[in-house]
ModelCIF file with pLDDT and N, C-alpha, C, O atoms, coordinates in Angstrom:
data_MODEL
#
_entry.id   MODEL 
#
_entity.id                         1 
_entity.type                       polymer 
_entity.pdbx_number_of_molecules   1 
#
_entity_poly.entity_id                      1 
_entity_poly.type                           'polypeptide(L)' 
_entity_poly.nstd_linkage                   no 
_entity_poly.nstd_monomer                   no 
_entity_poly.pdbx_seq_one_letter_code       
;(UNK)(UNK)(UNK)(UNK)(UNK)(UNK)(UNK)(UNK)(UNK)(UNK)(UNK)(UNK)(UNK)(UNK)(UNK)(UNK)
(UNK)(UNK)(UNK)(UNK)(UNK)(UNK)(UNK)(UNK)(UNK)(UNK)(UNK)(UNK)(UNK)(UNK)(UNK)(UNK)
(UNK)(UNK)(UNK)(UNK)(UNK)(UNK)(UNK)(UNK)(UNK)(UNK)
;
_entity_poly.pdbx_seq_one_letter_code_can   XXXXXXXXXXXXXXXXXXXXXXXXXXXXXXXXXXXXXXXXXX 
_entity_poly.pdbx_strand_id                 A 
#
loop_
_entity_poly_seq.entity_id 
_entity_poly_seq.num 
_entity_poly_seq.mon_id 
_entity_poly_seq.hetero 
1 1  UNK n 
1 2  UNK n 
1 3  UNK n 
1 4  UNK n 
1 5  UNK n 
1 6  UNK n 
1 7  UNK n 
1 8  UNK n 
1 9  UNK n 
1 10 UNK n 
1 11 UNK n 
1 12 UNK n 
1 13 UNK n 
1 14 UNK n 
1 15 UNK n 
1 16 UNK n 
1 17 UNK n 
1 18 UNK n 
1 19 UNK n 
1 20 UNK n 
1 21 UNK n 
1 22 UNK n 
1 23 UNK n 
1 24 UNK n 
1 25 UNK n 
1 26 UNK n 
1 27 UNK n 
1 28 UNK n 
1 29 UNK n 
1 30 UNK n 
1 31 UNK n 
1 32 UNK n 
1 33 UNK n 
1 34 UNK n 
1 35 UNK n 
1 36 UNK n 
1 37 UNK n 
1 38 UNK n 
1 39 UNK n 
1 40 UNK n 
1 41 UNK n 
1 42 UNK n 
#
_struct_asym.id          A 
_struct_asym.entity_id   1 
#
loop_
_ma_qa_metric.id 
_ma_qa_metric.mode 
_ma_qa_metric.name 
_ma_qa_metric.software_group_id 
_ma_qa_metric.type 
1 global pLDDT . pLDDT 
2 local  pLDDT . pLDDT 
#
_ma_qa_metric_global.metric_id      1 
_ma_qa_metric_global.metric_value   94.74 
_ma_qa_metric_global.model_id       1 
_ma_qa_metric_global.ordinal_id     1 
#
loop_
_ma_qa_metric_local.label_asym_id 
_ma_qa_metric_local.label_comp_id 
_ma_qa_metric_local.label_seq_id 
_ma_qa_metric_local.metric_id 
_ma_qa_metric_local.metric_value 
_ma_qa_metric_local.model_id 
_ma_qa_metric_local.ordinal_id 
A UNK 1  2 96.00 1 1  
A UNK 2  2 96.00 1 2  
A UNK 3  2 95.00 1 3  
A UNK 4  2 95.00 1 4  
A UNK 5  2 96.00 1 5  
A UNK 6  2 95.00 1 6  
A UNK 7  2 96.00 1 7  
A UNK 8  2 96.00 1 8  
A UNK 9  2 96.00 1 9  
A UNK 10 2 95.00 1 10 
A UNK 11 2 95.00 1 11 
A UNK 12 2 94.00 1 12 
A UNK 13 2 92.00 1 13 
A UNK 14 2 93.00 1 14 
A UNK 15 2 95.00 1 15 
A UNK 16 2 96.00 1 16 
A UNK 17 2 96.00 1 17 
A UNK 18 2 96.00 1 18 
A UNK 19 2 97.00 1 19 
A UNK 20 2 97.00 1 20 
A UNK 21 2 97.00 1 21 
A UNK 22 2 97.00 1 22 
A UNK 23 2 97.00 1 23 
A UNK 24 2 97.00 1 24 
A UNK 25 2 97.00 1 25 
A UNK 26 2 97.00 1 26 
A UNK 27 2 97.00 1 27 
A UNK 28 2 97.00 1 28 
A UNK 29 2 97.00 1 29 
A UNK 30 2 97.00 1 30 
A UNK 31 2 96.00 1 31 
A UNK 32 2 96.00 1 32 
A UNK 33 2 96.00 1 33 
A UNK 34 2 93.00 1 34 
A UNK 35 2 93.00 1 35 
A UNK 36 2 93.00 1 36 
A UNK 37 2 90.00 1 37 
A UNK 38 2 89.00 1 38 
A UNK 39 2 88.00 1 39 
A UNK 40 2 89.00 1 40 
A UNK 41 2 89.00 1 41 
A UNK 42 2 90.00 1 42 
#
loop_
_atom_site.group_PDB 
_atom_site.id 
_atom_site.type_symbol 
_atom_site.label_atom_id 
_atom_site.label_alt_id 
_atom_site.label_comp_id 
_atom_site.label_asym_id 
_atom_site.label_entity_id 
_atom_site.label_seq_id 
_atom_site.pdbx_PDB_ins_code 
_atom_site.Cartn_x 
_atom_site.Cartn_y 
_atom_site.Cartn_z 
_atom_site.occupancy 
_atom_site.B_iso_or_equiv 
_atom_site.pdbx_formal_charge 
_atom_site.auth_seq_id 
_atom_site.auth_comp_id 
_atom_site.auth_asym_id 
_atom_site.auth_atom_id 
_atom_site.pdbx_PDB_model_num 
ATOM 1   N N  . UNK A 1 1  ? 2.802  2.987   -23.118 1.00 96.00 ? 1  UNK A N  1 
ATOM 2   C CA . UNK A 1 1  ? 3.683  1.840   -23.322 1.00 96.00 ? 1  UNK A CA 1 
ATOM 3   C C  . UNK A 1 1  ? 4.633  2.070   -24.498 1.00 96.00 ? 1  UNK A C  1 
ATOM 4   O O  . UNK A 1 1  ? 4.301  2.726   -25.486 1.00 96.00 ? 1  UNK A O  1 
ATOM 5   N N  . UNK A 1 2  ? 5.828  1.501   -24.344 1.00 96.00 ? 2  UNK A N  1 
ATOM 6   C CA . UNK A 1 2  ? 6.797  1.375   -25.434 1.00 96.00 ? 2  UNK A CA 1 
ATOM 7   C C  . UNK A 1 2  ? 7.210  -0.090  -25.461 1.00 96.00 ? 2  UNK A C  1 
ATOM 8   O O  . UNK A 1 2  ? 8.352  -0.441  -25.165 1.00 96.00 ? 2  UNK A O  1 
ATOM 9   N N  . UNK A 1 3  ? 6.244  -0.939  -25.825 1.00 95.00 ? 3  UNK A N  1 
ATOM 10  C CA . UNK A 1 3  ? 6.396  -2.385  -25.671 1.00 95.00 ? 3  UNK A CA 1 
ATOM 11  C C  . UNK A 1 3  ? 7.585  -2.930  -26.439 1.00 95.00 ? 3  UNK A C  1 
ATOM 12  O O  . UNK A 1 3  ? 8.302  -3.791  -25.927 1.00 95.00 ? 3  UNK A O  1 
ATOM 13  N N  . UNK A 1 4  ? 7.810  -2.456  -27.642 1.00 95.00 ? 4  UNK A N  1 
ATOM 14  C CA . UNK A 1 4  ? 8.911  -2.986  -28.453 1.00 95.00 ? 4  UNK A CA 1 
ATOM 15  C C  . UNK A 1 4  ? 10.261 -2.758  -27.796 1.00 95.00 ? 4  UNK A C  1 
ATOM 16  O O  . UNK A 1 4  ? 11.199 -3.519  -28.033 1.00 95.00 ? 4  UNK A O  1 
ATOM 17  N N  . UNK A 1 5  ? 10.375 -1.705  -26.959 1.00 96.00 ? 5  UNK A N  1 
ATOM 18  C CA . UNK A 1 5  ? 11.614 -1.395  -26.259 1.00 96.00 ? 5  UNK A CA 1 
ATOM 19  C C  . UNK A 1 5  ? 11.552 -1.760  -24.772 1.00 96.00 ? 5  UNK A C  1 
ATOM 20  O O  . UNK A 1 5  ? 12.454 -1.409  -24.010 1.00 96.00 ? 5  UNK A O  1 
ATOM 21  N N  . UNK A 1 6  ? 10.495 -2.459  -24.357 1.00 95.00 ? 6  UNK A N  1 
ATOM 22  C CA . UNK A 1 6  ? 10.336 -2.875  -22.958 1.00 95.00 ? 6  UNK A CA 1 
ATOM 23  C C  . UNK A 1 6  ? 10.442 -1.678  -22.009 1.00 95.00 ? 6  UNK A C  1 
ATOM 24  O O  . UNK A 1 6  ? 11.013 -1.787  -20.924 1.00 95.00 ? 6  UNK A O  1 
ATOM 25  N N  . UNK A 1 7  ? 9.887  -0.536  -22.425 1.00 96.00 ? 7  UNK A N  1 
ATOM 26  C CA . UNK A 1 7  ? 9.978  0.702   -21.650 1.00 96.00 ? 7  UNK A CA 1 
ATOM 27  C C  . UNK A 1 7  ? 8.602  1.333   -21.526 1.00 96.00 ? 7  UNK A C  1 
ATOM 28  O O  . UNK A 1 7  ? 7.628  0.835   -22.090 1.00 96.00 ? 7  UNK A O  1 
ATOM 29  N N  . UNK A 1 8  ? 8.525  2.442   -20.779 1.00 96.00 ? 8  UNK A N  1 
ATOM 30  C CA . UNK A 1 8  ? 7.260  3.143   -20.609 1.00 96.00 ? 8  UNK A CA 1 
ATOM 31  C C  . UNK A 1 8  ? 7.515  4.582   -20.209 1.00 96.00 ? 8  UNK A C  1 
ATOM 32  O O  . UNK A 1 8  ? 8.601  4.933   -19.747 1.00 96.00 ? 8  UNK A O  1 
ATOM 33  N N  . UNK A 1 9  ? 6.499  5.409   -20.392 1.00 96.00 ? 9  UNK A N  1 
ATOM 34  C CA . UNK A 1 9  ? 6.524  6.801   -19.976 1.00 96.00 ? 9  UNK A CA 1 
ATOM 35  C C  . UNK A 1 9  ? 5.301  7.041   -19.101 1.00 96.00 ? 9  UNK A C  1 
ATOM 36  O O  . UNK A 1 9  ? 4.187  6.658   -19.460 1.00 96.00 ? 9  UNK A O  1 
ATOM 37  N N  . UNK A 1 10 ? 5.516  7.681   -17.942 1.00 95.00 ? 10 UNK A N  1 
ATOM 38  C CA . UNK A 1 10 ? 4.371  7.982   -17.081 1.00 95.00 ? 10 UNK A CA 1 
ATOM 39  C C  . UNK A 1 10 ? 4.467  9.409   -16.572 1.00 95.00 ? 10 UNK A C  1 
ATOM 40  O O  . UNK A 1 10 ? 5.558  9.953   -16.396 1.00 95.00 ? 10 UNK A O  1 
ATOM 41  N N  . UNK A 1 11 ? 3.327  9.994   -16.344 1.00 95.00 ? 11 UNK A N  1 
ATOM 42  C CA . UNK A 1 11 ? 3.229  11.293  -15.697 1.00 95.00 ? 11 UNK A CA 1 
ATOM 43  C C  . UNK A 1 11 ? 2.077  11.261  -14.684 1.00 95.00 ? 11 UNK A C  1 
ATOM 44  O O  . UNK A 1 11 ? 1.175  12.098  -14.711 1.00 95.00 ? 11 UNK A O  1 
ATOM 45  N N  . UNK A 1 12 ? 2.139  10.278  -13.803 1.00 94.00 ? 12 UNK A N  1 
ATOM 46  C CA . UNK A 1 12 ? 1.104  10.116  -12.790 1.00 94.00 ? 12 UNK A CA 1 
ATOM 47  C C  . UNK A 1 12 ? 0.899  11.393  -11.985 1.00 94.00 ? 12 UNK A C  1 
ATOM 48  O O  . UNK A 1 12 ? -0.236 11.775  -11.700 1.00 94.00 ? 12 UNK A O  1 
ATOM 49  N N  . UNK A 1 13 ? 1.996  12.053  -11.619 1.00 92.00 ? 13 UNK A N  1 
ATOM 50  C CA . UNK A 1 13 ? 1.868  13.249  -10.796 1.00 92.00 ? 13 UNK A CA 1 
ATOM 51  C C  . UNK A 1 13 ? 1.599  12.946  -9.337  1.00 92.00 ? 13 UNK A C  1 
ATOM 52  O O  . UNK A 1 13 ? 0.914  13.706  -8.652  1.00 92.00 ? 13 UNK A O  1 
ATOM 53  N N  . UNK A 1 14 ? 2.154  11.806  -8.851  1.00 93.00 ? 14 UNK A N  1 
ATOM 54  C CA . UNK A 1 14 ? 2.001  11.417  -7.441  1.00 93.00 ? 14 UNK A CA 1 
ATOM 55  C C  . UNK A 1 14 ? 0.538  11.364  -7.020  1.00 93.00 ? 14 UNK A C  1 
ATOM 56  O O  . UNK A 1 14 ? 0.141  12.000  -6.043  1.00 93.00 ? 14 UNK A O  1 
ATOM 57  N N  . UNK A 1 15 ? -0.257 10.601  -7.760  1.00 95.00 ? 15 UNK A N  1 
ATOM 58  C CA . UNK A 1 15 ? -1.633 10.352  -7.318  1.00 95.00 ? 15 UNK A CA 1 
ATOM 59  C C  . UNK A 1 15 ? -1.596 9.520   -6.041  1.00 95.00 ? 15 UNK A C  1 
ATOM 60  O O  . UNK A 1 15 ? -0.909 8.501   -5.973  1.00 95.00 ? 15 UNK A O  1 
ATOM 61  N N  . UNK A 1 16 ? -2.329 9.956   -5.045  1.00 96.00 ? 16 UNK A N  1 
ATOM 62  C CA . UNK A 1 16 ? -2.243 9.314   -3.733  1.00 96.00 ? 16 UNK A CA 1 
ATOM 63  C C  . UNK A 1 16 ? -3.575 9.401   -3.011  1.00 96.00 ? 16 UNK A C  1 
ATOM 64  O O  . UNK A 1 16 ? -4.335 10.352  -3.192  1.00 96.00 ? 16 UNK A O  1 
ATOM 65  N N  . UNK A 1 17 ? -3.847 8.402   -2.194  1.00 96.00 ? 17 UNK A N  1 
ATOM 66  C CA . UNK A 1 17 ? -5.036 8.425   -1.341  1.00 96.00 ? 17 UNK A CA 1 
ATOM 67  C C  . UNK A 1 17 ? -4.784 9.170   -0.036  1.00 96.00 ? 17 UNK A C  1 
ATOM 68  O O  . UNK A 1 17 ? -5.699 9.338   0.770   1.00 96.00 ? 17 UNK A O  1 
ATOM 69  N N  . UNK A 1 18 ? -3.548 9.617   0.176   1.00 96.00 ? 18 UNK A N  1 
ATOM 70  C CA . UNK A 1 18 ? -3.232 10.382  1.375   1.00 96.00 ? 18 UNK A CA 1 
ATOM 71  C C  . UNK A 1 18 ? -2.612 9.537   2.467   1.00 96.00 ? 18 UNK A C  1 
ATOM 72  O O  . UNK A 1 18 ? -2.850 8.332   2.554   1.00 96.00 ? 18 UNK A O  1 
ATOM 73  N N  . UNK A 1 19 ? -1.808 10.191  3.306   1.00 97.00 ? 19 UNK A N  1 
ATOM 74  C CA . UNK A 1 19 ? -1.066 9.479   4.349   1.00 97.00 ? 19 UNK A CA 1 
ATOM 75  C C  . UNK A 1 19 ? -1.988 8.784   5.342   1.00 97.00 ? 19 UNK A C  1 
ATOM 76  O O  . UNK A 1 19 ? -1.665 7.696   5.818   1.00 97.00 ? 19 UNK A O  1 
ATOM 77  N N  . UNK A 1 20 ? -3.128 9.389   5.666   1.00 97.00 ? 20 UNK A N  1 
ATOM 78  C CA . UNK A 1 20 ? -4.029 8.795   6.655   1.00 97.00 ? 20 UNK A CA 1 
ATOM 79  C C  . UNK A 1 20 ? -4.600 7.466   6.167   1.00 97.00 ? 20 UNK A C  1 
ATOM 80  O O  . UNK A 1 20 ? -4.686 6.505   6.932   1.00 97.00 ? 20 UNK A O  1 
ATOM 81  N N  . UNK A 1 21 ? -4.994 7.412   4.886   1.00 97.00 ? 21 UNK A N  1 
ATOM 82  C CA . UNK A 1 21 ? -5.576 6.181   4.351   1.00 97.00 ? 21 UNK A CA 1 
ATOM 83  C C  . UNK A 1 21 ? -4.530 5.073   4.265   1.00 97.00 ? 21 UNK A C  1 
ATOM 84  O O  . UNK A 1 21 ? -4.809 3.926   4.614   1.00 97.00 ? 21 UNK A O  1 
ATOM 85  N N  . UNK A 1 22 ? -3.334 5.412   3.804   1.00 97.00 ? 22 UNK A N  1 
ATOM 86  C CA . UNK A 1 22 ? -2.281 4.402   3.706   1.00 97.00 ? 22 UNK A CA 1 
ATOM 87  C C  . UNK A 1 22 ? -1.888 3.919   5.100   1.00 97.00 ? 22 UNK A C  1 
ATOM 88  O O  . UNK A 1 22 ? -1.674 2.725   5.309   1.00 97.00 ? 22 UNK A O  1 
ATOM 89  N N  . UNK A 1 23 ? -1.793 4.849   6.054   1.00 97.00 ? 23 UNK A N  1 
ATOM 90  C CA . UNK A 1 23 ? -1.463 4.464   7.428   1.00 97.00 ? 23 UNK A CA 1 
ATOM 91  C C  . UNK A 1 23 ? -2.525 3.534   8.008   1.00 97.00 ? 23 UNK A C  1 
ATOM 92  O O  . UNK A 1 23 ? -2.199 2.603   8.745   1.00 97.00 ? 23 UNK A O  1 
ATOM 93  N N  . UNK A 1 24 ? -3.782 3.779   7.681   1.00 97.00 ? 24 UNK A N  1 
ATOM 94  C CA . UNK A 1 24 ? -4.859 2.919   8.172   1.00 97.00 ? 24 UNK A CA 1 
ATOM 95  C C  . UNK A 1 24 ? -4.685 1.488   7.654   1.00 97.00 ? 24 UNK A C  1 
ATOM 96  O O  . UNK A 1 24 ? -4.862 0.527   8.404   1.00 97.00 ? 24 UNK A O  1 
ATOM 97  N N  . UNK A 1 25 ? -4.338 1.352   6.378   1.00 97.00 ? 25 UNK A N  1 
ATOM 98  C CA . UNK A 1 25 ? -4.144 0.006   5.832   1.00 97.00 ? 25 UNK A CA 1 
ATOM 99  C C  . UNK A 1 25 ? -2.961 -0.694  6.507   1.00 97.00 ? 25 UNK A C  1 
ATOM 100 O O  . UNK A 1 25 ? -3.034 -1.878  6.835   1.00 97.00 ? 25 UNK A O  1 
ATOM 101 N N  . UNK A 1 26 ? -1.885 0.044   6.706   1.00 97.00 ? 26 UNK A N  1 
ATOM 102 C CA . UNK A 1 26 ? -0.709 -0.555  7.340   1.00 97.00 ? 26 UNK A CA 1 
ATOM 103 C C  . UNK A 1 26 ? -0.993 -0.897  8.801   1.00 97.00 ? 26 UNK A C  1 
ATOM 104 O O  . UNK A 1 26 ? -0.525 -1.921  9.301   1.00 97.00 ? 26 UNK A O  1 
ATOM 105 N N  . UNK A 1 27 ? -1.752 -0.050  9.483   1.00 97.00 ? 27 UNK A N  1 
ATOM 106 C CA . UNK A 1 27 ? -2.107 -0.335  10.875  1.00 97.00 ? 27 UNK A CA 1 
ATOM 107 C C  . UNK A 1 27 ? -2.980 -1.592  10.958  1.00 97.00 ? 27 UNK A C  1 
ATOM 108 O O  . UNK A 1 27 ? -2.761 -2.439  11.824  1.00 97.00 ? 27 UNK A O  1 
ATOM 109 N N  . UNK A 1 28 ? -3.950 -1.715  10.079  1.00 97.00 ? 28 UNK A N  1 
ATOM 110 C CA . UNK A 1 28 ? -4.798 -2.909  10.082  1.00 97.00 ? 28 UNK A CA 1 
ATOM 111 C C  . UNK A 1 28 ? -3.987 -4.154  9.790   1.00 97.00 ? 28 UNK A C  1 
ATOM 112 O O  . UNK A 1 28 ? -4.259 -5.225  10.334  1.00 97.00 ? 28 UNK A O  1 
ATOM 113 N N  . UNK A 1 29 ? -2.991 -4.013  8.930   1.00 97.00 ? 29 UNK A N  1 
ATOM 114 C CA . UNK A 1 29 ? -2.114 -5.150  8.625   1.00 97.00 ? 29 UNK A CA 1 
ATOM 115 C C  . UNK A 1 29 ? -1.349 -5.598  9.875   1.00 97.00 ? 29 UNK A C  1 
ATOM 116 O O  . UNK A 1 29 ? -1.231 -6.795  10.139  1.00 97.00 ? 29 UNK A O  1 
ATOM 117 N N  . UNK A 1 30 ? -0.836 -4.639  10.636  1.00 97.00 ? 30 UNK A N  1 
ATOM 118 C CA . UNK A 1 30 ? -0.124 -4.968  11.872  1.00 97.00 ? 30 UNK A CA 1 
ATOM 119 C C  . UNK A 1 30 ? -1.062 -5.629  12.865  1.00 97.00 ? 30 UNK A C  1 
ATOM 120 O O  . UNK A 1 30 ? -0.678 -6.586  13.537  1.00 97.00 ? 30 UNK A O  1 
ATOM 121 N N  . UNK A 1 31 ? -2.281 -5.134  12.966  1.00 96.00 ? 31 UNK A N  1 
ATOM 122 C CA . UNK A 1 31 ? -3.222 -5.699  13.937  1.00 96.00 ? 31 UNK A CA 1 
ATOM 123 C C  . UNK A 1 31 ? -3.667 -7.105  13.540  1.00 96.00 ? 31 UNK A C  1 
ATOM 124 O O  . UNK A 1 31 ? -3.887 -7.954  14.404  1.00 96.00 ? 31 UNK A O  1 
ATOM 125 N N  . UNK A 1 32 ? -3.801 -7.352  12.231  1.00 96.00 ? 32 UNK A N  1 
ATOM 126 C CA . UNK A 1 32 ? -4.115 -8.721  11.805  1.00 96.00 ? 32 UNK A CA 1 
ATOM 127 C C  . UNK A 1 32 ? -2.968 -9.662  12.162  1.00 96.00 ? 32 UNK A C  1 
ATOM 128 O O  . UNK A 1 32 ? -3.188 -10.800 12.576  1.00 96.00 ? 32 UNK A O  1 
ATOM 129 N N  . UNK A 1 33 ? -1.750 -9.174  11.998  1.00 96.00 ? 33 UNK A N  1 
ATOM 130 C CA . UNK A 1 33 ? -0.584 -9.983  12.358  1.00 96.00 ? 33 UNK A CA 1 
ATOM 131 C C  . UNK A 1 33 ? -0.570 -10.251 13.857  1.00 96.00 ? 33 UNK A C  1 
ATOM 132 O O  . UNK A 1 33 ? -0.308 -11.376 14.281  1.00 96.00 ? 33 UNK A O  1 
ATOM 133 N N  . UNK A 1 34 ? -0.849 -9.225  14.666  1.00 93.00 ? 34 UNK A N  1 
ATOM 134 C CA . UNK A 1 34 ? -0.887 -9.407  16.114  1.00 93.00 ? 34 UNK A CA 1 
ATOM 135 C C  . UNK A 1 34 ? -1.970 -10.403 16.505  1.00 93.00 ? 34 UNK A C  1 
ATOM 136 O O  . UNK A 1 34 ? -1.774 -11.223 17.401  1.00 93.00 ? 34 UNK A O  1 
ATOM 137 N N  . UNK A 1 35 ? -3.109 -10.328 15.831  1.00 93.00 ? 35 UNK A N  1 
ATOM 138 C CA . UNK A 1 35 ? -4.200 -11.264 16.126  1.00 93.00 ? 35 UNK A CA 1 
ATOM 139 C C  . UNK A 1 35 ? -3.788 -12.701 15.806  1.00 93.00 ? 35 UNK A C  1 
ATOM 140 O O  . UNK A 1 35 ? -4.159 -13.633 16.520  1.00 93.00 ? 35 UNK A O  1 
ATOM 141 N N  . UNK A 1 36 ? -3.023 -12.874 14.733  1.00 93.00 ? 36 UNK A N  1 
ATOM 142 C CA . UNK A 1 36 ? -2.575 -14.228 14.369  1.00 93.00 ? 36 UNK A CA 1 
ATOM 143 C C  . UNK A 1 36 ? -1.624 -14.809 15.406  1.00 93.00 ? 36 UNK A C  1 
ATOM 144 O O  . UNK A 1 36 ? -1.468 -16.027 15.489  1.00 93.00 ? 36 UNK A O  1 
ATOM 145 N N  . UNK A 1 37 ? -0.983 -13.946 16.200  1.00 90.00 ? 37 UNK A N  1 
ATOM 146 C CA . UNK A 1 37 ? -0.074 -14.409 17.247  1.00 90.00 ? 37 UNK A CA 1 
ATOM 147 C C  . UNK A 1 37 ? -0.783 -14.653 18.571  1.00 90.00 ? 37 UNK A C  1 
ATOM 148 O O  . UNK A 1 37 ? -0.179 -15.144 19.524  1.00 90.00 ? 37 UNK A O  1 
ATOM 149 N N  . UNK A 1 38 ? -2.062 -14.310 18.627  1.00 89.00 ? 38 UNK A N  1 
ATOM 150 C CA . UNK A 1 38 ? -2.805 -14.466 19.861  1.00 89.00 ? 38 UNK A CA 1 
ATOM 151 C C  . UNK A 1 38 ? -2.724 -13.265 20.782  1.00 89.00 ? 38 UNK A C  1 
ATOM 152 O O  . UNK A 1 38 ? -3.076 -13.358 21.958  1.00 89.00 ? 38 UNK A O  1 
ATOM 153 N N  . UNK A 1 39 ? -2.260 -12.126 20.255  1.00 88.00 ? 39 UNK A N  1 
ATOM 154 C CA . UNK A 1 39 ? -2.124 -10.924 21.068  1.00 88.00 ? 39 UNK A CA 1 
ATOM 155 C C  . UNK A 1 39 ? -3.375 -10.062 21.068  1.00 88.00 ? 39 UNK A C  1 
ATOM 156 O O  . UNK A 1 39 ? -3.471 -9.119  21.854  1.00 88.00 ? 39 UNK A O  1 
ATOM 157 N N  . UNK A 1 40 ? -4.324 -10.362 20.214  1.00 89.00 ? 40 UNK A N  1 
ATOM 158 C CA . UNK A 1 40 ? -5.482 -9.509  20.043  1.00 89.00 ? 40 UNK A CA 1 
ATOM 159 C C  . UNK A 1 40 ? -5.294 -8.590  18.857  1.00 89.00 ? 40 UNK A C  1 
ATOM 160 O O  . UNK A 1 40 ? -4.280 -8.667  18.162  1.00 89.00 ? 40 UNK A O  1 
ATOM 161 N N  . UNK A 1 41 ? -6.265 -7.716  18.618  1.00 89.00 ? 41 UNK A N  1 
ATOM 162 C CA . UNK A 1 41 ? -6.193 -6.834  17.459  1.00 89.00 ? 41 UNK A CA 1 
ATOM 163 C C  . UNK A 1 41 ? -6.500 -5.386  17.818  1.00 89.00 ? 41 UNK A C  1 
ATOM 164 O O  . UNK A 1 41 ? -7.041 -4.632  17.009  1.00 89.00 ? 41 UNK A O  1 
ATOM 165 N N  . UNK A 1 42 ? -6.142 -5.009  19.049  1.00 90.00 ? 42 UNK A N  1 
ATOM 166 C CA . UNK A 1 42 ? -6.393 -3.635  19.481  1.00 90.00 ? 42 UNK A CA 1 
ATOM 167 C C  . UNK A 1 42 ? -5.088 -2.847  19.509  1.00 90.00 ? 42 UNK A C  1 
ATOM 168 O O  . UNK A 1 42 ? -5.089 -1.664  19.849  1.00 90.00 ? 42 UNK A O  1 
#
């Protein structure tokens, strides 16, 4: 943190759970939305 200047420095290095895990979350989100419309969740 550089709070006094409302700034920050990061070197995360693109930490990621991987494309498959993120895709799974997004797919489940779409299926929950479909279920809310009465289309099912498959």
